[in-house]
All heavy atoms as atom14 arrays in JSON, in Angstrom:
{
  "sequence": "RLHLFQRTAPWVMPRFDRAYAGWERGLLRALPAWRW",
  "atom14_mask": [
    [1, 1, 1, 1, 1, 1, 1, 1, 1, 1, 1, 0, 0, 0],
    [1, 1, 1, 1, 1, 1, 1, 1, 0, 0, 0, 0, 0, 0],
    [1, 1, 1, 1, 1, 1, 1, 1, 1, 1, 0, 0, 0, 0],
    [1, 1, 1, 1, 1, 1, 1, 1, 0, 0, 0, 0, 0, 0],
    [1, 1, 1, 1, 1, 1, 1, 1, 1, 1, 1, 0, 0, 0],
    [1, 1, 1, 1, 1, 1, 1, 1, 1, 0, 0, 0, 0, 0],
    [1, 1, 1, 1, 1, 1, 1, 1, 1, 1, 1, 0, 0, 0],
    [1, 1, 1, 1, 1, 1, 1, 0, 0, 0, 0, 0, 0, 0],
    [1, 1, 1, 1, 1, 0, 0, 0, 0, 0, 0, 0, 0, 0],
    [1, 1, 1, 1, 1, 1, 1, 0, 0, 0, 0, 0, 0, 0],
    [1, 1, 1, 1, 1, 1, 1, 1, 1, 1, 1, 1, 1, 1],
    [1, 1, 1, 1, 1, 1, 1, 0, 0, 0, 0, 0, 0, 0],
    [1, 1, 1, 1, 1, 1, 1, 1, 0, 0, 0, 0, 0, 0],
    [1, 1, 1, 1, 1, 1, 1, 0, 0, 0, 0, 0, 0, 0],
    [1, 1, 1, 1, 1, 1, 1, 1, 1, 1, 1, 0, 0, 0],
    [1, 1, 1, 1, 1, 1, 1, 1, 1, 1, 1, 0, 0, 0],
    [1, 1, 1, 1, 1, 1, 1, 1, 0, 0, 0, 0, 0, 0],
    [1, 1, 1, 1, 1, 1, 1, 1, 1, 1, 1, 0, 0, 0],
    [1, 1, 1, 1, 1, 0, 0, 0, 0, 0, 0, 0, 0, 0],
    [1, 1, 1, 1, 1, 1, 1, 1, 1, 1, 1, 1, 0, 0],
    [1, 1, 1, 1, 1, 0, 0, 0, 0, 0, 0, 0, 0, 0],
    [1, 1, 1, 1, 0, 0, 0, 0, 0, 0, 0, 0, 0, 0],
    [1, 1, 1, 1, 1, 1, 1, 1, 1, 1, 1, 1, 1, 1],
    [1, 1, 1, 1, 1, 1, 1, 1, 1, 0, 0, 0, 0, 0],
    [1, 1, 1, 1, 1, 1, 1, 1, 1, 1, 1, 0, 0, 0],
    [1, 1, 1, 1, 0, 0, 0, 0, 0, 0, 0, 0, 0, 0],
    [1, 1, 1, 1, 1, 1, 1, 1, 0, 0, 0, 0, 0, 0],
    [1, 1, 1, 1, 1, 1, 1, 1, 0, 0, 0, 0, 0, 0],
    [1, 1, 1, 1, 1, 1, 1, 1, 1, 1, 1, 0, 0, 0],
    [1, 1, 1, 1, 1, 0, 0, 0, 0, 0, 0, 0, 0, 0],
    [1, 1, 1, 1, 1, 1, 1, 1, 0, 0, 0, 0, 0, 0],
    [1, 1, 1, 1, 1, 1, 1, 0, 0, 0, 0, 0, 0, 0],
    [1, 1, 1, 1, 1, 0, 0, 0, 0, 0, 0, 0, 0, 0],
    [1, 1, 1, 1, 1, 1, 1, 1, 1, 1, 1, 1, 1, 1],
    [1, 1, 1, 1, 1, 1, 1, 1, 1, 1, 1, 0, 0, 0],
    [1, 1, 1, 1, 1, 1, 1, 1, 1, 1, 1, 1, 1, 1]
  ],
  "atom14_positions": [
    [[144.42, 151.29, 107.85], [145.82, 151.48, 108.24], [145.85, 152.43, 109.43], [145.08, 153.41, 109.48], [146.6, 152.1, 107.07], [148.09, 152.21, 107.28], [148.77, 150.87, 107.22], [150.22, 150.98, 107.3], [151.02, 150.01, 107.7], [150.5, 148.82, 108.05], [152.33, 150.15, 107.75], [0.0, 0.0, 0.0], [0.0, 0.0, 0.0], [0.0, 0.0, 0.0]],
    [[146.71, 152.13, 110.4], [146.83, 152.98, 111.57], [148.3, 153.28, 111.81], [149.12, 152.37, 111.98], [146.22, 152.3, 112.8], [146.01, 153.18, 114.04], [144.89, 152.65, 114.91], [147.28, 153.3, 114.9], [0.0, 0.0, 0.0], [0.0, 0.0, 0.0], [0.0, 0.0, 0.0], [0.0, 0.0, 0.0], [0.0, 0.0, 0.0], [0.0, 0.0, 0.0]],
    [[148.64, 154.57, 111.81], [150.0, 155.02, 112.09], [149.98, 155.66, 113.48], [149.33, 156.69, 113.69], [150.47, 156.04, 111.06], [150.36, 155.55, 109.65], [151.26, 154.68, 109.07], [149.43, 155.81, 108.69], [150.91, 154.43, 107.82], [149.8, 155.1, 107.57], [0.0, 0.0, 0.0], [0.0, 0.0, 0.0], [0.0, 0.0, 0.0], [0.0, 0.0, 0.0]],
    [[150.69, 155.07, 114.41], [150.76, 155.58, 115.77], [152.06, 156.35, 115.94], [153.16, 155.77, 115.87], [150.68, 154.44, 116.78], [150.83, 154.83, 118.26], [149.67, 155.73, 118.69], [150.91, 153.59, 119.14], [0.0, 0.0, 0.0], [0.0, 0.0, 0.0], [0.0, 0.0, 0.0], [0.0, 0.0, 0.0], [0.0, 0.0, 0.0], [0.0, 0.0, 0.0]],
    [[151.97, 157.64, 116.16], [153.15, 158.49, 116.3], [153.5, 158.61, 117.78], [152.76, 159.2, 118.57], [152.9, 159.87, 115.67], [152.82, 159.81, 114.17], [151.62, 159.52, 113.53], [153.95, 160.04, 113.4], [151.55, 159.46, 112.14], [153.89, 159.98, 112.01], [152.69, 159.69, 111.38], [0.0, 0.0, 0.0], [0.0, 0.0, 0.0], [0.0, 0.0, 0.0]],
    [[154.64, 158.03, 118.11], [155.08, 157.94, 119.5], [156.29, 158.84, 119.73], [157.33, 158.66, 119.09], [155.45, 156.5, 119.82], [156.11, 156.31, 121.17], [156.61, 154.9, 121.37], [155.85, 154.01, 121.73], [157.9, 154.68, 121.12], [0.0, 0.0, 0.0], [0.0, 0.0, 0.0], [0.0, 0.0, 0.0], [0.0, 0.0, 0.0], [0.0, 0.0, 0.0]],
    [[156.16, 159.8, 120.64], [157.3, 160.63, 121.01], [158.16, 159.9, 122.04], [159.39, 159.88, 121.94], [156.83, 161.97, 121.57], [157.97, 162.94, 121.88], [157.45, 164.27, 122.38], [156.76, 164.14, 123.66], [156.2, 165.15, 124.3], [156.2, 166.36, 123.77], [155.59, 164.97, 125.46], [0.0, 0.0, 0.0], [0.0, 0.0, 0.0], [0.0, 0.0, 0.0]],
    [[157.5, 159.3, 123.03], [158.21, 158.59, 124.09], [157.45, 157.32, 124.42], [156.22, 157.37, 124.59], [158.31, 159.46, 125.36], [158.83, 160.75, 125.02], [159.22, 158.81, 126.39], [0.0, 0.0, 0.0], [0.0, 0.0, 0.0], [0.0, 0.0, 0.0], [0.0, 0.0, 0.0], [0.0, 0.0, 0.0], [0.0, 0.0, 0.0], [0.0, 0.0, 0.0]],
    [[158.14, 156.22, 124.54], [157.48, 154.96, 124.89], [157.01, 155.0, 126.34], [157.79, 155.32, 127.24], [158.46, 153.8, 124.69], [0.0, 0.0, 0.0], [0.0, 0.0, 0.0], [0.0, 0.0, 0.0], [0.0, 0.0, 0.0], [0.0, 0.0, 0.0], [0.0, 0.0, 0.0], [0.0, 0.0, 0.0], [0.0, 0.0, 0.0], [0.0, 0.0, 0.0]],
    [[155.75, 154.69, 126.59], [155.25, 154.72, 127.97], [155.55, 153.41, 128.7], [155.74, 152.36, 128.08], [153.74, 154.89, 127.78], [153.46, 154.18, 126.48], [154.68, 154.42, 125.61], [0.0, 0.0, 0.0], [0.0, 0.0, 0.0], [0.0, 0.0, 0.0], [0.0, 0.0, 0.0], [0.0, 0.0, 0.0], [0.0, 0.0, 0.0], [0.0, 0.0, 0.0]],
    [[155.59, 153.49, 130.02], [155.59, 152.28, 130.82], [154.16, 151.75, 130.84], [153.22, 152.45, 131.21], [156.04, 152.58, 132.25], [157.52, 152.7, 132.42], [158.26, 153.85, 132.45], [158.46, 151.63, 132.56], [159.6, 153.57, 132.61], [159.75, 152.21, 132.69], [158.34, 150.24, 132.59], [160.9, 151.45, 132.85], [159.5, 149.47, 132.76], [160.75, 150.07, 132.88]],
    [[154.0, 150.5, 130.42], [152.68, 149.87, 130.37], [152.7, 148.64, 131.27], [153.53, 147.74, 131.08], [152.3, 149.47, 128.94], [150.91, 148.82, 128.91], [152.33, 150.69, 128.01], [0.0, 0.0, 0.0], [0.0, 0.0, 0.0], [0.0, 0.0, 0.0], [0.0, 0.0, 0.0], [0.0, 0.0, 0.0], [0.0, 0.0, 0.0], [0.0, 0.0, 0.0]],
    [[151.81, 148.6, 132.21], [151.71, 147.48, 133.15], [150.47, 146.65, 132.83], [149.51, 147.15, 132.23], [151.62, 148.01, 134.59], [152.68, 149.03, 134.96], [154.36, 148.38, 134.88], [154.39, 147.49, 136.43], [0.0, 0.0, 0.0], [0.0, 0.0, 0.0], [0.0, 0.0, 0.0], [0.0, 0.0, 0.0], [0.0, 0.0, 0.0], [0.0, 0.0, 0.0]],
    [[150.45, 145.39, 133.24], [149.24, 144.57, 133.02], [148.03, 145.19, 133.71], [148.13, 145.71, 134.82], [149.61, 143.23, 133.67], [151.1, 143.21, 133.75], [151.53, 144.63, 133.9], [0.0, 0.0, 0.0], [0.0, 0.0, 0.0], [0.0, 0.0, 0.0], [0.0, 0.0, 0.0], [0.0, 0.0, 0.0], [0.0, 0.0, 0.0], [0.0, 0.0, 0.0]],
    [[146.91, 145.14, 133.03], [145.68, 145.74, 133.56], [144.87, 144.72, 134.39], [144.22, 145.08, 135.36], [144.84, 146.26, 132.4], [143.61, 147.06, 132.79], [142.95, 147.59, 131.53], [141.76, 148.4, 131.79], [141.77, 149.68, 132.06], [142.92, 150.33, 132.13], [140.64, 150.35, 132.27], [0.0, 0.0, 0.0], [0.0, 0.0, 0.0], [0.0, 0.0, 0.0]],
    [[144.88, 143.49, 133.96], [144.12, 142.43, 134.63], [142.64, 142.78, 134.7], [141.97, 142.54, 135.7], [144.67, 142.14, 136.03], [146.12, 141.71, 136.05], [147.05, 142.42, 136.79], [146.54, 140.61, 135.32], [148.39, 142.05, 136.82], [147.88, 140.22, 135.34], [148.8, 140.93, 136.08], [0.0, 0.0, 0.0], [0.0, 0.0, 0.0], [0.0, 0.0, 0.0]],
    [[142.15, 143.36, 133.62], [140.73, 143.69, 133.55], [139.93, 142.45, 133.18], [140.41, 141.57, 132.47], [140.5, 144.8, 132.52], [139.07, 145.32, 132.53], [138.43, 145.23, 133.59], [138.62, 145.82, 131.49], [0.0, 0.0, 0.0], [0.0, 0.0, 0.0], [0.0, 0.0, 0.0], [0.0, 0.0, 0.0], [0.0, 0.0, 0.0], [0.0, 0.0, 0.0]],
    [[138.7, 142.39, 133.64], [137.8, 141.31, 133.29], [136.38, 141.7, 133.64], [136.15, 142.63, 134.42], [138.17, 140.02, 134.03], [138.03, 140.12, 135.54], [138.35, 138.82, 136.24], [138.2, 138.94, 137.68], [137.05, 138.81, 138.33], [135.92, 138.57, 137.66], [137.01, 138.94, 139.65], [0.0, 0.0, 0.0], [0.0, 0.0, 0.0], [0.0, 0.0, 0.0]],
    [[135.44, 140.99, 133.04], [134.04, 141.2, 133.39], [133.73, 140.46, 134.69], [134.27, 139.38, 134.94], [133.14, 140.69, 132.27], [0.0, 0.0, 0.0], [0.0, 0.0, 0.0], [0.0, 0.0, 0.0], [0.0, 0.0, 0.0], [0.0, 0.0, 0.0], [0.0, 0.0, 0.0], [0.0, 0.0, 0.0], [0.0, 0.0, 0.0], [0.0, 0.0, 0.0]],
    [[132.89, 141.05, 135.52], [132.45, 140.36, 136.72], [131.47, 139.26, 136.35], [130.58, 139.45, 135.51], [131.77, 141.33, 137.68], [132.73, 142.23, 138.44], [132.72, 143.61, 138.26], [133.64, 141.68, 139.33], [133.6, 144.43, 138.95], [134.52, 142.49, 140.03], [134.5, 143.86, 139.83], [135.38, 144.66, 140.51], [0.0, 0.0, 0.0], [0.0, 0.0, 0.0]],
    [[131.63, 138.11, 136.96], [130.69, 137.01, 136.76], [129.35, 137.38, 137.39], [129.27, 138.24, 138.28], [131.24, 135.72, 137.38], [0.0, 0.0, 0.0], [0.0, 0.0, 0.0], [0.0, 0.0, 0.0], [0.0, 0.0, 0.0], [0.0, 0.0, 0.0], [0.0, 0.0, 0.0], [0.0, 0.0, 0.0], [0.0, 0.0, 0.0], [0.0, 0.0, 0.0]],
    [[128.31, 136.7, 136.94], [126.97, 136.99, 137.46], [126.87, 136.84, 138.96], [126.26, 137.67, 139.65], [0.0, 0.0, 0.0], [0.0, 0.0, 0.0], [0.0, 0.0, 0.0], [0.0, 0.0, 0.0], [0.0, 0.0, 0.0], [0.0, 0.0, 0.0], [0.0, 0.0, 0.0], [0.0, 0.0, 0.0], [0.0, 0.0, 0.0], [0.0, 0.0, 0.0]],
    [[127.51, 135.8, 139.5], [127.44, 135.59, 140.94], [128.18, 136.69, 141.71], [127.77, 137.08, 142.8], [127.99, 134.22, 141.33], [129.47, 134.03, 141.11], [130.09, 133.55, 140.01], [130.51, 134.36, 142.05], [131.46, 133.54, 140.17], [131.74, 134.03, 141.42], [130.53, 134.89, 143.34], [132.97, 134.22, 142.05], [131.75, 135.08, 143.97], [132.95, 134.74, 143.33]],
    [[129.26, 137.2, 141.1], [130.01, 138.28, 141.75], [129.17, 139.55, 141.82], [129.12, 140.24, 142.85], [131.3, 138.57, 140.99], [132.36, 137.49, 141.09], [133.58, 137.83, 140.27], [133.48, 137.85, 139.02], [134.65, 138.09, 140.86], [0.0, 0.0, 0.0], [0.0, 0.0, 0.0], [0.0, 0.0, 0.0], [0.0, 0.0, 0.0], [0.0, 0.0, 0.0]],
    [[128.51, 139.87, 140.72], [127.67, 141.07, 140.7], [126.51, 140.93, 141.66], [126.11, 141.89, 142.33], [127.18, 141.34, 139.28], [128.28, 141.7, 138.31], [127.76, 142.02, 136.93], [127.01, 143.28, 136.91], [126.44, 143.78, 135.82], [126.52, 143.12, 134.67], [125.79, 144.92, 135.87], [0.0, 0.0, 0.0], [0.0, 0.0, 0.0], [0.0, 0.0, 0.0]],
    [[125.96, 139.71, 141.74], [124.87, 139.48, 142.68], [125.32, 139.69, 144.12], [124.61, 140.3, 144.93], [0.0, 0.0, 0.0], [0.0, 0.0, 0.0], [0.0, 0.0, 0.0], [0.0, 0.0, 0.0], [0.0, 0.0, 0.0], [0.0, 0.0, 0.0], [0.0, 0.0, 0.0], [0.0, 0.0, 0.0], [0.0, 0.0, 0.0], [0.0, 0.0, 0.0]],
    [[126.52, 139.2, 144.44], [127.07, 139.37, 145.78], [127.34, 140.83, 146.08], [127.01, 141.34, 147.16], [128.35, 138.54, 145.9], [128.97, 138.39, 147.29], [128.01, 137.63, 148.2], [130.3, 137.66, 147.2], [0.0, 0.0, 0.0], [0.0, 0.0, 0.0], [0.0, 0.0, 0.0], [0.0, 0.0, 0.0], [0.0, 0.0, 0.0], [0.0, 0.0, 0.0]],
    [[127.96, 141.54, 145.12], [128.27, 142.94, 145.31], [127.0, 143.79, 145.41], [126.96, 144.77, 146.15], [129.14, 143.44, 144.15], [130.58, 142.9, 144.13], [131.22, 143.11, 142.76], [131.41, 143.6, 145.21], [0.0, 0.0, 0.0], [0.0, 0.0, 0.0], [0.0, 0.0, 0.0], [0.0, 0.0, 0.0], [0.0, 0.0, 0.0], [0.0, 0.0, 0.0]],
    [[125.99, 143.4, 144.67], [124.73, 144.14, 144.68], [124.0, 143.95, 146.03], [123.43, 144.9, 146.57], [123.85, 143.68, 143.54], [122.57, 144.48, 143.34], [121.71, 143.9, 142.23], [122.43, 143.82, 140.98], [122.74, 142.68, 140.35], [122.39, 141.51, 140.9], [123.38, 142.68, 139.21], [0.0, 0.0, 0.0], [0.0, 0.0, 0.0], [0.0, 0.0, 0.0]],
    [[124.06, 142.74, 146.56], [123.27, 142.41, 147.74], [123.93, 142.79, 149.05], [123.25, 143.03, 150.05], [122.94, 140.92, 147.74], [0.0, 0.0, 0.0], [0.0, 0.0, 0.0], [0.0, 0.0, 0.0], [0.0, 0.0, 0.0], [0.0, 0.0, 0.0], [0.0, 0.0, 0.0], [0.0, 0.0, 0.0], [0.0, 0.0, 0.0], [0.0, 0.0, 0.0]],
    [[125.27, 142.85, 149.06], [126.0, 143.02, 150.32], [126.87, 144.27, 150.31], [128.0, 144.25, 149.83], [126.85, 141.8, 150.61], [126.12, 140.47, 150.8], [127.13, 139.35, 151.0], [125.16, 140.55, 151.98], [0.0, 0.0, 0.0], [0.0, 0.0, 0.0], [0.0, 0.0, 0.0], [0.0, 0.0, 0.0], [0.0, 0.0, 0.0], [0.0, 0.0, 0.0]],
    [[126.38, 145.39, 150.82], [127.21, 146.61, 150.9], [128.51, 146.38, 151.67], [129.53, 147.0, 151.34], [126.3, 147.6, 151.62], [124.9, 147.12, 151.35], [125.01, 145.63, 151.29], [0.0, 0.0, 0.0], [0.0, 0.0, 0.0], [0.0, 0.0, 0.0], [0.0, 0.0, 0.0], [0.0, 0.0, 0.0], [0.0, 0.0, 0.0], [0.0, 0.0, 0.0]],
    [[128.47, 145.52, 152.67], [129.69, 145.26, 153.44], [130.76, 144.6, 152.58], [131.96, 144.88, 152.74], [129.36, 144.36, 154.64], [0.0, 0.0, 0.0], [0.0, 0.0, 0.0], [0.0, 0.0, 0.0], [0.0, 0.0, 0.0], [0.0, 0.0, 0.0], [0.0, 0.0, 0.0], [0.0, 0.0, 0.0], [0.0, 0.0, 0.0], [0.0, 0.0, 0.0]],
    [[130.33, 143.75, 151.64], [131.3, 143.12, 150.73], [131.88, 144.16, 149.78], [133.08, 144.13, 149.48], [130.63, 141.98, 149.97], [131.55, 141.28, 149.02], [131.47, 141.24, 147.66], [132.71, 140.51, 149.36], [132.48, 140.5, 147.13], [133.27, 140.03, 148.15], [133.33, 140.19, 150.57], [134.42, 139.26, 148.12], [134.47, 139.4, 150.54], [135.02, 138.96, 149.32]],
    [[131.03, 145.08, 149.31], [131.54, 146.15, 148.46], [132.58, 146.98, 149.21], [133.59, 147.39, 148.64], [130.4, 147.07, 147.98], [129.4, 146.39, 147.08], [128.61, 147.4, 146.26], [127.83, 148.33, 147.04], [126.59, 148.11, 147.44], [125.99, 146.96, 147.13], [125.92, 149.02, 148.12], [0.0, 0.0, 0.0], [0.0, 0.0, 0.0], [0.0, 0.0, 0.0]],
    [[132.33, 147.22, 150.48], [133.28, 147.99, 151.29], [134.6, 147.25, 151.4], [135.67, 147.87, 151.29], [132.69, 148.24, 152.68], [133.57, 149.06, 153.57], [133.63, 150.42, 153.65], [134.53, 148.56, 154.52], [134.57, 150.81, 154.58], [135.13, 149.69, 155.14], [134.92, 147.29, 154.91], [136.12, 149.57, 156.11], [135.91, 147.16, 155.88], [136.49, 148.29, 156.47]]
  ]
}
């Protein structure tokens, strides 16, 4: 059981978090200019 005690409701926006695909990490790892 979890009781969450809230004094004030926060504004919560979408995070749009995700894991990087293998090809994305490979590109970011290999190309500093792309990371920039």
